[in-house]
PDB file of all heavy atoms in Angstrom:
ATOM      1  N   LEU A   1      18.501  14.507  -2.665  1.00  0.00           N
ATOM      2  CA  LEU A   1      18.751  13.180  -3.219  1.00  0.00           C
ATOM      3  C   LEU A   1      17.893  12.911  -4.452  1.00  0.00           C
ATOM      4  O   LEU A   1      18.362  12.325  -5.431  1.00  0.00           O
ATOM      5  CB  LEU A   1      18.494  12.109  -2.150  1.00  0.00           C
ATOM      6  CG  LEU A   1      19.465  12.099  -0.962  1.00  0.00           C
ATOM      7  CD1 LEU A   1      19.061  11.014   0.036  1.00  0.00           C
ATOM      8  CD2 LEU A   1      20.894  11.866  -1.440  1.00  0.00           C
ATOM      9  N   VAL A   2      16.635  13.333  -4.423  1.00  0.00           N
ATOM     10  CA  VAL A   2      15.752  13.101  -5.570  1.00  0.00           C
ATOM     11  C   VAL A   2      16.216  13.915  -6.774  1.00  0.00           C
ATOM     12  O   VAL A   2      16.247  13.422  -7.909  1.00  0.00           O
ATOM     13  CB  VAL A   2      14.290  13.429  -5.219  1.00  0.00           C
ATOM     14  CG1 VAL A   2      13.405  13.317  -6.456  1.00  0.00           C
ATOM     15  CG2 VAL A   2      13.791  12.501  -4.128  1.00  0.00           C
ATOM     16  N   GLU A   3      16.584  15.165  -6.533  1.00  0.00           N
ATOM     17  CA  GLU A   3      17.081  16.002  -7.635  1.00  0.00           C
ATOM     18  C   GLU A   3      18.334  15.383  -8.260  1.00  0.00           C
ATOM     19  O   GLU A   3      18.506  15.404  -9.488  1.00  0.00           O
ATOM     20  CB  GLU A   3      17.398  17.413  -7.129  1.00  0.00           C
ATOM     21  CG  GLU A   3      16.180  18.269  -6.816  1.00  0.00           C
ATOM     22  CD  GLU A   3      15.561  17.962  -5.456  1.00  0.00           C
ATOM     23  OE1 GLU A   3      16.122  17.112  -4.726  1.00  0.00           O
ATOM     24  OE2 GLU A   3      14.524  18.559  -5.129  1.00  0.00           O
ATOM     25  N   ASN A   4      19.196  14.813  -7.432  1.00  0.00           N
ATOM     26  CA  ASN A   4      20.389  14.158  -7.972  1.00  0.00           C
ATOM     27  C   ASN A   4      20.029  12.887  -8.740  1.00  0.00           C
ATOM     28  O   ASN A   4      20.708  12.528  -9.704  1.00  0.00           O
ATOM     29  CB  ASN A   4      21.374  13.841  -6.841  1.00  0.00           C
ATOM     30  CG  ASN A   4      22.224  15.044  -6.471  1.00  0.00           C
ATOM     31  OD1 ASN A   4      22.591  15.841  -7.327  1.00  0.00           O
ATOM     32  ND2 ASN A   4      22.537  15.186  -5.195  1.00  0.00           N
ATOM     33  N   GLN A   5      18.965  12.209  -8.320  1.00  0.00           N
ATOM     34  CA  GLN A   5      18.488  11.055  -9.094  1.00  0.00           C
ATOM     35  C   GLN A   5      17.968  11.508 -10.464  1.00  0.00           C
ATOM     36  O   GLN A   5      18.169  10.822 -11.475  1.00  0.00           O
ATOM     37  CB  GLN A   5      17.378  10.317  -8.328  1.00  0.00           C
ATOM     38  CG  GLN A   5      17.856   9.453  -7.179  1.00  0.00           C
ATOM     39  CD  GLN A   5      18.463   8.126  -7.631  1.00  0.00           C
ATOM     40  OE1 GLN A   5      18.466   7.785  -8.814  1.00  0.00           O
ATOM     41  NE2 GLN A   5      18.970   7.357  -6.674  1.00  0.00           N
ATOM     42  N   VAL A   6      17.324  12.668 -10.512  1.00  0.00           N
ATOM     43  CA  VAL A   6      16.882  13.222 -11.797  1.00  0.00           C
ATOM     44  C   VAL A   6      18.082  13.480 -12.696  1.00  0.00           C
ATOM     45  O   VAL A   6      18.075  13.169 -13.895  1.00  0.00           O
ATOM     46  CB  VAL A   6      16.076  14.531 -11.595  1.00  0.00           C
ATOM     47  CG1 VAL A   6      15.784  15.200 -12.939  1.00  0.00           C
ATOM     48  CG2 VAL A   6      14.774  14.249 -10.850  1.00  0.00           C
ATOM     49  N   ILE A   7      19.138  14.023 -12.124  1.00  0.00           N
ATOM     50  CA  ILE A   7      20.347  14.312 -12.895  1.00  0.00           C
ATOM     51  C   ILE A   7      20.975  13.023 -13.427  1.00  0.00           C
ATOM     52  O   ILE A   7      21.387  12.947 -14.598  1.00  0.00           O
ATOM     53  CB  ILE A   7      21.353  15.107 -12.040  1.00  0.00           C
ATOM     54  CG1 ILE A   7      20.800  16.516 -11.794  1.00  0.00           C
ATOM     55  CG2 ILE A   7      22.715  15.183 -12.730  1.00  0.00           C
ATOM     56  CD1 ILE A   7      21.567  17.314 -10.777  1.00  0.00           C
ATOM     57  N   LEU A   8      21.031  11.983 -12.597  1.00  0.00           N
ATOM     58  CA  LEU A   8      21.550  10.693 -13.063  1.00  0.00           C
ATOM     59  C   LEU A   8      20.690  10.142 -14.193  1.00  0.00           C
ATOM     60  O   LEU A   8      21.203   9.559 -15.155  1.00  0.00           O
ATOM     61  CB  LEU A   8      21.586   9.690 -11.907  1.00  0.00           C
ATOM     62  CG  LEU A   8      22.694   9.862 -10.867  1.00  0.00           C
ATOM     63  CD1 LEU A   8      22.551   8.800  -9.773  1.00  0.00           C
ATOM     64  CD2 LEU A   8      24.080   9.778 -11.505  1.00  0.00           C
ATOM     65  N   LEU A   9      19.370  10.322 -14.085  1.00  0.00           N
ATOM     66  CA  LEU A   9      18.458   9.852 -15.127  1.00  0.00           C
ATOM     67  C   LEU A   9      18.703  10.594 -16.439  1.00  0.00           C
ATOM     68  O   LEU A   9      18.781   9.980 -17.505  1.00  0.00           O
ATOM     69  CB  LEU A   9      17.014  10.030 -14.655  1.00  0.00           C
ATOM     70  CG  LEU A   9      15.908   9.471 -15.554  1.00  0.00           C
ATOM     71  CD1 LEU A   9      14.715   9.044 -14.712  1.00  0.00           C
ATOM     72  CD2 LEU A   9      15.439  10.496 -16.584  1.00  0.00           C
ATOM     73  N   VAL A  10      18.829  11.922 -16.357  1.00  0.00           N
ATOM     74  CA  VAL A  10      19.089  12.719 -17.564  1.00  0.00           C
ATOM     75  C   VAL A  10      20.434  12.326 -18.171  1.00  0.00           C
ATOM     76  O   VAL A  10      20.572  12.215 -19.388  1.00  0.00           O
ATOM     77  CB  VAL A  10      19.054  14.227 -17.236  1.00  0.00           C
ATOM     78  CG1 VAL A  10      19.475  15.059 -18.447  1.00  0.00           C
ATOM     79  CG2 VAL A  10      17.665  14.635 -16.778  1.00  0.00           C
ATOM     80  N   LEU A  11      21.399  12.079 -17.322  1.00  0.00           N
ATOM     81  CA  LEU A  11      22.723  11.691 -17.799  1.00  0.00           C
ATOM     82  C   LEU A  11      22.668  10.365 -18.543  1.00  0.00           C
ATOM     83  O   LEU A  11      23.214  10.233 -19.646  1.00  0.00           O
ATOM     84  CB  LEU A  11      23.686  11.589 -16.610  1.00  0.00           C
ATOM     85  CG  LEU A  11      25.126  11.193 -16.894  1.00  0.00           C
ATOM     86  CD1 LEU A  11      25.759  12.129 -17.906  1.00  0.00           C
ATOM     87  CD2 LEU A  11      25.934  11.194 -15.599  1.00  0.00           C
ATOM     88  N   HIS A  12      22.001   9.371 -17.962  1.00  0.00           N
ATOM     89  CA  HIS A  12      21.940   8.058 -18.604  1.00  0.00           C
ATOM     90  C   HIS A  12      20.974   8.037 -19.786  1.00  0.00           C
ATOM     91  O   HIS A  12      21.323   7.625 -20.887  1.00  0.00           O
ATOM     92  CB  HIS A  12      21.528   6.982 -17.603  1.00  0.00           C
ATOM     93  CG  HIS A  12      21.435   5.620 -18.223  1.00  0.00           C
ATOM     94  ND1 HIS A  12      20.258   5.110 -18.724  1.00  0.00           N
ATOM     95  CD2 HIS A  12      22.394   4.672 -18.453  1.00  0.00           C
ATOM     96  CE1 HIS A  12      20.478   3.915 -19.231  1.00  0.00           C
ATOM     97  NE2 HIS A  12      21.759   3.625 -19.075  1.00  0.00           N
ATOM     98  N   HIS A  13      19.730   8.490 -19.566  1.00  0.00           N
ATOM     99  CA  HIS A  13      18.708   8.404 -20.605  1.00  0.00           C
ATOM    100  C   HIS A  13      18.892   9.439 -21.712  1.00  0.00           C
ATOM    101  O   HIS A  13      18.673   9.143 -22.885  1.00  0.00           O
ATOM    102  CB  HIS A  13      17.315   8.605 -19.991  1.00  0.00           C
ATOM    103  CG  HIS A  13      16.864   7.480 -19.120  1.00  0.00           C
ATOM    104  ND1 HIS A  13      17.609   6.343 -18.887  1.00  0.00           N
ATOM    105  CD2 HIS A  13      15.698   7.316 -18.411  1.00  0.00           C
ATOM    106  CE1 HIS A  13      16.933   5.534 -18.092  1.00  0.00           C
ATOM    107  NE2 HIS A  13      15.780   6.097 -17.779  1.00  0.00           N
ATOM    108  N   GLY A  14      19.268  10.666 -21.307  1.00  0.00           N
ATOM    109  CA  GLY A  14      19.335  11.756 -22.279  1.00  0.00           C
ATOM    110  C   GLY A  14      20.681  11.894 -22.966  1.00  0.00           C
ATOM    111  O   GLY A  14      20.746  12.077 -24.183  1.00  0.00           O
ATOM    112  N   ILE A  15      21.777  11.821 -22.192  1.00  0.00           N
ATOM    113  CA  ILE A  15      23.113  11.995 -22.772  1.00  0.00           C
ATOM    114  C   ILE A  15      23.637  10.682 -23.334  1.00  0.00           C
ATOM    115  O   ILE A  15      23.990  10.583 -24.515  1.00  0.00           O
ATOM    116  CB  ILE A  15      24.108  12.529 -21.708  1.00  0.00           C
ATOM    117  CG1 ILE A  15      23.618  13.853 -21.137  1.00  0.00           C
ATOM    118  CG2 ILE A  15      25.499  12.691 -22.330  1.00  0.00           C
ATOM    119  CD1 ILE A  15      23.502  14.968 -22.132  1.00  0.00           C
ATOM    120  N   ASN A  16      23.665   9.654 -22.496  1.00  0.00           N
ATOM    121  CA  ASN A  16      24.262   8.395 -22.916  1.00  0.00           C
ATOM    122  C   ASN A  16      23.368   7.567 -23.825  1.00  0.00           C
ATOM    123  O   ASN A  16      23.829   6.614 -24.439  1.00  0.00           O
ATOM    124  CB  ASN A  16      24.635   7.551 -21.686  1.00  0.00           C
ATOM    125  CG  ASN A  16      25.710   8.219 -20.840  1.00  0.00           C
ATOM    126  OD1 ASN A  16      26.299   9.213 -21.226  1.00  0.00           O
ATOM    127  ND2 ASN A  16      25.964   7.682 -19.660  1.00  0.00           N
ATOM    128  N   ASN A  17      22.077   7.932 -23.921  1.00  0.00           N
ATOM    129  CA  ASN A  17      21.155   7.165 -24.766  1.00  0.00           C
ATOM    130  C   ASN A  17      20.207   8.009 -25.619  1.00  0.00           C
ATOM    131  O   ASN A  17      19.352   7.453 -26.305  1.00  0.00           O
ATOM    132  CB  ASN A  17      20.336   6.196 -23.906  1.00  0.00           C
ATOM    133  CG  ASN A  17      21.183   5.069 -23.355  1.00  0.00           C
ATOM    134  OD1 ASN A  17      21.527   4.126 -24.062  1.00  0.00           O
ATOM    135  ND2 ASN A  17      21.556   5.166 -22.090  1.00  0.00           N
ATOM    136  N   LEU A  18      20.332   9.340 -25.572  1.00  0.00           N
ATOM    137  CA  LEU A  18      19.586  10.237 -26.461  1.00  0.00           C
ATOM    138  C   LEU A  18      18.068  10.010 -26.429  1.00  0.00           C
ATOM    139  O   LEU A  18      17.413  10.118 -27.461  1.00  0.00           O
ATOM    140  CB  LEU A  18      20.089  10.084 -27.907  1.00  0.00           C
ATOM    141  CG  LEU A  18      21.568  10.405 -28.160  1.00  0.00           C
ATOM    142  CD1 LEU A  18      21.914  10.200 -29.617  1.00  0.00           C
ATOM    143  CD2 LEU A  18      21.884  11.827 -27.741  1.00  0.00           C
ATOM    144  N   TRP A  19      17.513   9.707 -25.264  1.00  0.00           N
ATOM    145  CA  TRP A  19      16.070   9.463 -25.146  1.00  0.00           C
ATOM    146  C   TRP A  19      15.603   8.485 -26.230  1.00  0.00           C
ATOM    147  O   TRP A  19      14.527   8.662 -26.819  1.00  0.00           O
ATOM    148  CB  TRP A  19      15.279  10.773 -25.245  1.00  0.00           C
ATOM    149  CG  TRP A  19      15.632  11.818 -24.249  1.00  0.00           C
ATOM    150  CD1 TRP A  19      16.219  13.028 -24.509  1.00  0.00           C
ATOM    151  CD2 TRP A  19      15.427  11.787 -22.818  1.00  0.00           C
ATOM    152  NE1 TRP A  19      16.394  13.747 -23.339  1.00  0.00           N
ATOM    153  CE2 TRP A  19      15.924  13.002 -22.280  1.00  0.00           C
ATOM    154  CE3 TRP A  19      14.882  10.845 -21.943  1.00  0.00           C
ATOM    155  CZ2 TRP A  19      15.876  13.297 -20.921  1.00  0.00           C
ATOM    156  CZ3 TRP A  19      14.850  11.136 -20.579  1.00  0.00           C
ATOM    157  CH2 TRP A  19      15.339  12.354 -20.090  1.00  0.00           C
ATOM    158  N   GLU A  20      16.401   7.448 -26.503  1.00  0.00           N
ATOM    159  CA  GLU A  20      16.116   6.570 -27.636  1.00  0.00           C
ATOM    160  C   GLU A  20      14.969   5.594 -27.381  1.00  0.00           C
ATOM    161  O   GLU A  20      14.512   4.916 -28.303  1.00  0.00           O
ATOM    162  CB  GLU A  20      17.373   5.791 -28.034  1.00  0.00           C
ATOM    163  CG  GLU A  20      17.864   4.834 -26.967  1.00  0.00           C
ATOM    164  CD  GLU A  20      19.262   4.327 -27.261  1.00  0.00           C
ATOM    165  OE1 GLU A  20      19.811   4.674 -28.320  1.00  0.00           O
ATOM    166  OE2 GLU A  20      19.802   3.570 -26.435  1.00  0.00           O
ATOM    167  N   ARG A  21      14.510   5.482 -26.140  1.00  0.00           N
ATOM    168  CA  ARG A  21      13.339   4.663 -25.823  1.00  0.00           C
ATOM    169  C   ARG A  21      12.252   5.564 -25.220  1.00  0.00           C
ATOM    170  O   ARG A  21      12.537   6.422 -24.393  1.00  0.00           O
ATOM    171  CB  ARG A  21      13.690   3.567 -24.815  1.00  0.00           C
ATOM    172  CG  ARG A  21      14.775   2.604 -25.259  1.00  0.00           C
ATOM    173  CD  ARG A  21      14.991   1.577 -24.170  1.00  0.00           C
ATOM    174  NE  ARG A  21      16.246   0.874 -24.302  1.00  0.00           N
ATOM    175  CZ  ARG A  21      16.416  -0.283 -24.936  1.00  0.00           C
ATOM    176  NH1 ARG A  21      15.365  -0.841 -25.515  1.00  0.00           N
ATOM    177  NH2 ARG A  21      17.590  -0.865 -24.984  1.00  0.00           N
ATOM    178  N   ILE A  22      11.014   5.342 -25.632  1.00  0.00           N
ATOM    179  CA  ILE A  22       9.909   6.133 -25.091  1.00  0.00           C
ATOM    180  C   ILE A  22       9.788   5.888 -23.586  1.00  0.00           C
ATOM    181  O   ILE A  22       9.406   6.782 -22.824  1.00  0.00           O
ATOM    182  CB  ILE A  22       8.593   5.787 -25.808  1.00  0.00           C
ATOM    183  CG1 ILE A  22       8.721   6.062 -27.309  1.00  0.00           C
ATOM    184  CG2 ILE A  22       7.429   6.605 -25.242  1.00  0.00           C
ATOM    185  CD1 ILE A  22       7.597   5.491 -28.143  1.00  0.00           C
ATOM    186  N   GLY A  23      10.145   4.688 -23.144  1.00  0.00           N
ATOM    187  CA  GLY A  23      10.118   4.391 -21.716  1.00  0.00           C
ATOM    188  C   GLY A  23      10.999   5.313 -20.902  1.00  0.00           C
ATOM    189  O   GLY A  23      10.735   5.554 -19.714  1.00  0.00           O
ATOM    190  N   TYR A  24      12.060   5.849 -21.516  1.00  0.00           N
ATOM    191  CA  TYR A  24      12.926   6.802 -20.810  1.00  0.00           C
ATOM    192  C   TYR A  24      12.176   8.094 -20.500  1.00  0.00           C
ATOM    193  O   TYR A  24      12.396   8.717 -19.456  1.00  0.00           O
ATOM    194  CB  TYR A  24      14.159   7.121 -21.659  1.00  0.00           C
ATOM    195  CG  TYR A  24      15.150   5.987 -21.799  1.00  0.00           C
ATOM    196  CD1 TYR A  24      16.107   6.001 -22.819  1.00  0.00           C
ATOM    197  CD2 TYR A  24      15.155   4.913 -20.927  1.00  0.00           C
ATOM    198  CE1 TYR A  24      17.032   4.973 -22.952  1.00  0.00           C
ATOM    199  CE2 TYR A  24      16.075   3.886 -21.058  1.00  0.00           C
ATOM    200  CZ  TYR A  24      17.009   3.915 -22.067  1.00  0.00           C
ATOM    201  OH  TYR A  24      17.918   2.909 -22.204  1.00  0.00           O
ATOM    202  N   ILE A  25      11.300   8.510 -21.429  1.00  0.00           N
ATOM    203  CA  ILE A  25      10.476   9.703 -21.178  1.00  0.00           C
ATOM    204  C   ILE A  25       9.525   9.434 -20.019  1.00  0.00           C
ATOM    205  O   ILE A  25       9.324  10.280 -19.141  1.00  0.00           O
ATOM    206  CB  ILE A  25       9.677  10.087 -22.441  1.00  0.00           C
ATOM    207  CG1 ILE A  25      10.613  10.295 -23.644  1.00  0.00           C
ATOM    208  CG2 ILE A  25       8.842  11.334 -22.181  1.00  0.00           C
ATOM    209  CD1 ILE A  25      11.593  11.416 -23.502  1.00  0.00           C
ATOM    210  N   ASN A  26       8.930   8.245 -20.012  1.00  0.00           N
ATOM    211  CA  ASN A  26       8.053   7.876 -18.898  1.00  0.00           C
ATOM    212  C   ASN A  26       8.794   7.933 -17.570  1.00  0.00           C
ATOM    213  O   ASN A  26       8.246   8.386 -16.555  1.00  0.00           O
ATOM    214  CB  ASN A  26       7.499   6.468 -19.112  1.00  0.00           C
ATOM    215  CG  ASN A  26       6.457   6.412 -20.220  1.00  0.00           C
ATOM    216  OD1 ASN A  26       6.165   7.418 -20.861  1.00  0.00           O
ATOM    217  ND2 ASN A  26       5.907   5.240 -20.451  1.00  0.00           N
ATOM    218  N   ASP A  27      10.047   7.449 -17.569  1.00  0.00           N
ATOM    219  CA  ASP A  27      10.842   7.481 -16.336  1.00  0.00           C
ATOM    220  C   ASP A  27      10.953   8.902 -15.793  1.00  0.00           C
ATOM    221  O   ASP A  27      10.790   9.139 -14.593  1.00  0.00           O
ATOM    222  CB  ASP A  27      12.259   6.936 -16.606  1.00  0.00           C
ATOM    223  CG  ASP A  27      12.279   5.433 -16.805  1.00  0.00           C
ATOM    224  OD1 ASP A  27      11.274   4.760 -16.504  1.00  0.00           O
ATOM    225  OD2 ASP A  27      13.324   4.922 -17.273  1.00  0.00           O
ATOM    226  N   LEU A  28      11.269   9.840 -16.696  1.00  0.00           N
ATOM    227  CA  LEU A  28      11.416  11.229 -16.266  1.00  0.00           C
ATOM    228  C   LEU A  28      10.090  11.776 -15.757  1.00  0.00           C
ATOM    229  O   LEU A  28      10.040  12.433 -14.708  1.00  0.00           O
ATOM    230  CB  LEU A  28      11.936  12.086 -17.427  1.00  0.00           C
ATOM    231  CG  LEU A  28      12.132  13.573 -17.129  1.00  0.00           C
ATOM    232  CD1 LEU A  28      13.154  13.779 -16.015  1.00  0.00           C
ATOM    233  CD2 LEU A  28      12.556  14.331 -18.386  1.00  0.00           C
ATOM    234  N   TYR A  29       9.020  11.493 -16.476  1.00  0.00           N
ATOM    235  CA  TYR A  29       7.709  12.006 -16.068  1.00  0.00           C
ATOM    236  C   TYR A  29       7.324  11.515 -14.677  1.00  0.00           C
ATOM    237  O   TYR A  29       6.932  12.308 -13.801  1.00  0.00           O
ATOM    238  CB  TYR A  29       6.647  11.580 -17.092  1.00  0.00           C
ATOM    239  CG  TYR A  29       5.238  11.833 -16.620  1.00  0.00           C
ATOM    240  CD1 TYR A  29       4.710  13.120 -16.607  1.00  0.00           C
ATOM    241  CD2 TYR A  29       4.442  10.785 -16.166  1.00  0.00           C
ATOM    242  CE1 TYR A  29       3.415  13.364 -16.149  1.00  0.00           C
ATOM    243  CE2 TYR A  29       3.146  11.020 -15.714  1.00  0.00           C
ATOM    244  CZ  TYR A  29       2.642  12.306 -15.707  1.00  0.00           C
ATOM    245  OH  TYR A  29       1.371  12.553 -15.257  1.00  0.00           O
ATOM    246  N   PHE A  30       7.423  10.221 -14.441  1.00  0.00           N
ATOM    247  CA  PHE A  30       6.993   9.674 -13.151  1.00  0.00           C
ATOM    248  C   PHE A  30       7.926  10.095 -12.019  1.00  0.00           C
ATOM    249  O   PHE A  30       7.479  10.267 -10.879  1.00  0.00           O
ATOM    250  CB  PHE A  30       6.870   8.156 -13.232  1.00  0.00           C
ATOM    251  CG  PHE A  30       5.627   7.704 -13.934  1.00  0.00           C
ATOM    252  CD1 PHE A  30       5.674   7.170 -15.207  1.00  0.00           C
ATOM    253  CD2 PHE A  30       4.390   7.843 -13.324  1.00  0.00           C
ATOM    254  CE1 PHE A  30       4.526   6.772 -15.862  1.00  0.00           C
ATOM    255  CE2 PHE A  30       3.222   7.444 -13.963  1.00  0.00           C
ATOM    256  CZ  PHE A  30       3.296   6.909 -15.243  1.00  0.00           C
ATOM    257  N   MET A  31       9.203  10.300 -12.314  1.00  0.00           N
ATOM    258  CA  MET A  31      10.104  10.779 -11.265  1.00  0.00           C
ATOM    259  C   MET A  31       9.767  12.215 -10.883  1.00  0.00           C
ATOM    260  O   MET A  31       9.743  12.569  -9.702  1.00  0.00           O
ATOM    261  CB  MET A  31      11.563  10.685 -11.710  1.00  0.00           C
ATOM    262  CG  MET A  31      12.545  11.106 -10.622  1.00  0.00           C
ATOM    263  SD  MET A  31      14.278  10.877 -11.088  1.00  0.00           S
ATOM    264  CE  MET A  31      14.466   9.120 -10.790  1.00  0.00           C
ATOM    265  N   LEU A  32       9.467  13.043 -11.873  1.00  0.00           N
ATOM    266  CA  LEU A  32       9.165  14.447 -11.592  1.00  0.00           C
ATOM    267  C   LEU A  32       7.847  14.616 -10.848  1.00  0.00           C
ATOM    268  O   LEU A  32       7.695  15.534 -10.042  1.00  0.00           O
ATOM    269  CB  LEU A  32       9.141  15.251 -12.890  1.00  0.00           C
ATOM    270  CG  LEU A  32      10.484  15.428 -13.605  1.00  0.00           C
ATOM    271  CD1 LEU A  32      10.288  16.190 -14.910  1.00  0.00           C
ATOM    272  CD2 LEU A  32      11.496  16.149 -12.716  1.00  0.00           C
ATOM    273  N   ARG A  33       6.896  13.746 -11.122  1.00  0.00           N
ATOM    274  CA  ARG A  33       5.576  13.914 -10.482  1.00  0.00           C
ATOM    275  C   ARG A  33       5.462  13.146  -9.170  1.00  0.00           C
ATOM    276  O   ARG A  33       4.466  13.279  -8.458  1.00  0.00           O
ATOM    277  CB  ARG A  33       4.456  13.475 -11.417  1.00  0.00           C
ATOM    278  CG  ARG A  33       4.494  12.037 -11.841  1.00  0.00           C
ATOM    279  CD  ARG A  33       3.174  11.565 -12.403  1.00  0.00           C
ATOM    280  NE  ARG A  33       2.301  11.087 -11.332  1.00  0.00           N
ATOM    281  CZ  ARG A  33       1.066  10.632 -11.532  1.00  0.00           C
ATOM    282  NH1 ARG A  33       0.547  10.600 -12.725  1.00  0.00           N
ATOM    283  NH2 ARG A  33       0.333  10.200 -10.517  1.00  0.00           N
ATOM    284  N   SER A  34       6.486  12.342  -8.829  1.00  0.00           N
ATOM    285  CA  SER A  34       6.380  11.501  -7.637  1.00  0.00           C
ATOM    286  C   SER A  34       6.742  12.243  -6.352  1.00  0.00           C
ATOM    287  O   SER A  34       6.479  11.746  -5.259  1.00  0.00           O
ATOM    288  CB  SER A  34       7.293  10.272  -7.779  1.00  0.00           C
ATOM    289  OG  SER A  34       8.662  10.657  -7.803  1.00  0.00           O
ATOM    290  N   THR A  35       7.338  13.423  -6.491  1.00  0.00           N
ATOM    291  CA  THR A  35       7.772  14.138  -5.294  1.00  0.00           C
ATOM    292  C   THR A  35       7.915  15.620  -5.598  1.00  0.00           C
ATOM    293  O   THR A  35       7.906  16.036  -6.762  1.00  0.00           O
ATOM    294  CB  THR A  35       9.126  13.581  -4.791  1.00  0.00           C
ATOM    295  OG1 THR A  35       9.450  14.181  -3.542  1.00  0.00           O
ATOM    296  CG2 THR A  35      10.234  13.870  -5.787  1.00  0.00           C
ATOM    297  N   ASP A  36       8.060  16.434  -4.561  1.00  0.00           N
ATOM    298  CA  ASP A  36       8.313  17.861  -4.753  1.00  0.00           C
ATOM    299  C   ASP A  36       9.764  18.050  -5.174  1.00  0.00           C
ATOM    300  O   ASP A  36      10.675  17.456  -4.604  1.00  0.00           O
ATOM    301  CB  ASP A  36       8.053  18.629  -3.456  1.00  0.00           C
ATOM    302  CG  ASP A  36       6.573  18.659  -3.103  1.00  0.00           C
ATOM    303  OD1 ASP A  36       5.752  18.609  -4.031  1.00  0.00           O
ATOM    304  OD2 ASP A  36       6.256  18.714  -1.898  1.00  0.00           O
ATOM    305  N   ILE A  37       9.969  18.889  -6.176  1.00  0.00           N
ATOM    306  CA  ILE A  37      11.305  19.135  -6.723  1.00  0.00           C
ATOM    307  C   ILE A  37      11.739  20.550  -6.401  1.00  0.00           C
ATOM    308  O   ILE A  37      10.957  21.501  -6.535  1.00  0.00           O
ATOM    309  CB  ILE A  37      11.317  18.941  -8.263  1.00  0.00           C
ATOM    310  CG1 ILE A  37      10.933  17.500  -8.645  1.00  0.00           C
ATOM    311  CG2 ILE A  37      12.671  19.310  -8.850  1.00  0.00           C
ATOM    312  CD1 ILE A  37      11.951  16.461  -8.278  1.00  0.00           C
ATOM    313  N   ASP A  38      12.972  20.718  -5.977  1.00  0.00           N
ATOM    314  CA  ASP A  38      13.563  22.043  -5.813  1.00  0.00           C
ATOM    315  C   ASP A  38      14.070  22.469  -7.190  1.00  0.00           C
ATOM    316  O   ASP A  38      15.208  22.201  -7.571  1.00  0.00           O
ATOM    317  CB  ASP A  38      14.718  21.987  -4.798  1.00  0.00           C
ATOM    318  CG  ASP A  38      15.325  23.362  -4.521  1.00  0.00           C
ATOM    319  OD1 ASP A  38      15.121  24.284  -5.341  1.00  0.00           O
ATOM    320  OD2 ASP A  38      16.021  23.505  -3.499  1.00  0.00           O
ATOM    321  N   TRP A  39      13.190  23.131  -7.939  1.00  0.00           N
ATOM    322  CA  TRP A  39      13.488  23.423  -9.334  1.00  0.00           C
ATOM    323  C   TRP A  39      14.651  24.398  -9.494  1.00  0.00           C
ATOM    324  O   TRP A  39      15.453  24.260 -10.426  1.00  0.00           O
ATOM    325  CB  TRP A  39      12.239  23.966 -10.032  1.00  0.00           C
ATOM    326  CG  TRP A  39      11.259  22.877 -10.329  1.00  0.00           C
ATOM    327  CD1 TRP A  39      10.162  22.538  -9.603  1.00  0.00           C
ATOM    328  CD2 TRP A  39      11.316  21.962 -11.428  1.00  0.00           C
ATOM    329  NE1 TRP A  39       9.519  21.469 -10.172  1.00  0.00           N
ATOM    330  CE2 TRP A  39      10.199  21.098 -11.302  1.00  0.00           C
ATOM    331  CE3 TRP A  39      12.179  21.808 -12.509  1.00  0.00           C
ATOM    332  CZ2 TRP A  39       9.935  20.083 -12.214  1.00  0.00           C
ATOM    333  CZ3 TRP A  39      11.919  20.796 -13.421  1.00  0.00           C
ATOM    334  CH2 TRP A  39      10.819  19.950 -13.272  1.00  0.00           C
ATOM    335  N   THR A  40      14.764  25.362  -8.646  1.00  0.00           N
ATOM    336  CA  THR A  40      15.872  26.332  -8.753  1.00  0.00           C
ATOM    337  C   THR A  40      17.205  25.619  -8.611  1.00  0.00           C
ATOM    338  O   THR A  40      18.140  25.836  -9.407  1.00  0.00           O
ATOM    339  CB  THR A  40      15.741  27.426  -7.681  1.00  0.00           C
ATOM    340  OG1 THR A  40      14.482  28.093  -7.838  1.00  0.00           O
ATOM    341  CG2 THR A  40      16.868  28.435  -7.807  1.00  0.00           C
ATOM    342  N   TRP A  41      17.321  24.768  -7.616  1.00  0.00           N
ATOM    343  CA  TRP A  41      18.562  24.015  -7.379  1.00  0.00           C
ATOM    344  C   TRP A  41      18.845  23.068  -8.539  1.00  0.00           C
ATOM    345  O   TRP A  41      19.974  22.985  -9.029  1.00  0.00           O
ATOM    346  CB  TRP A  41      18.432  23.230  -6.077  1.00  0.00           C
ATOM    347  CG  TRP A  41      19.707  22.581  -5.624  1.00  0.00           C
ATOM    348  CD1 TRP A  41      20.640  23.088  -4.769  1.00  0.00           C
ATOM    349  CD2 TRP A  41      20.190  21.281  -6.011  1.00  0.00           C
ATOM    350  NE1 TRP A  41      21.677  22.202  -4.600  1.00  0.00           N
ATOM    351  CE2 TRP A  41      21.427  21.075  -5.348  1.00  0.00           C
ATOM    352  CE3 TRP A  41      19.713  20.281  -6.849  1.00  0.00           C
ATOM    353  CZ2 TRP A  41      22.174  19.905  -5.514  1.00  0.00           C
ATOM    354  CZ3 TRP A  41      20.455  19.112  -7.017  1.00  0.00           C
ATOM    355  CH2 TRP A  41      21.669  18.935  -6.343  1.00  0.00           C
ATOM    356  N   LEU A  42      17.802  22.347  -8.991  1.00  0.00           N
ATOM    357  CA  LEU A  42      17.967  21.369 -10.062  1.00  0.00           C
ATOM    358  C   LEU A  42      18.407  22.022 -11.368  1.00  0.00           C
ATOM    359  O   LEU A  42      19.358  21.575 -12.021  1.00  0.00           O
ATOM    360  CB  LEU A  42      16.659  20.605 -10.280  1.00  0.00           C
ATOM    361  CG  LEU A  42      16.645  19.606 -11.447  1.00  0.00           C
ATOM    362  CD1 LEU A  42      17.666  18.501 -11.237  1.00  0.00           C
ATOM    363  CD2 LEU A  42      15.235  19.021 -11.620  1.00  0.00           C
TER     364      LEU A  42
END
């Protein structure tokens, strides 16, 4: 579920908004560090 939330974040912040706000980078950083990620699957 967390990995899929990362994908939704990349889709909205990165694709639909081109990382146009620095806060979007913060979102990705705090999501990645808040839990263990299955990097191979992601």
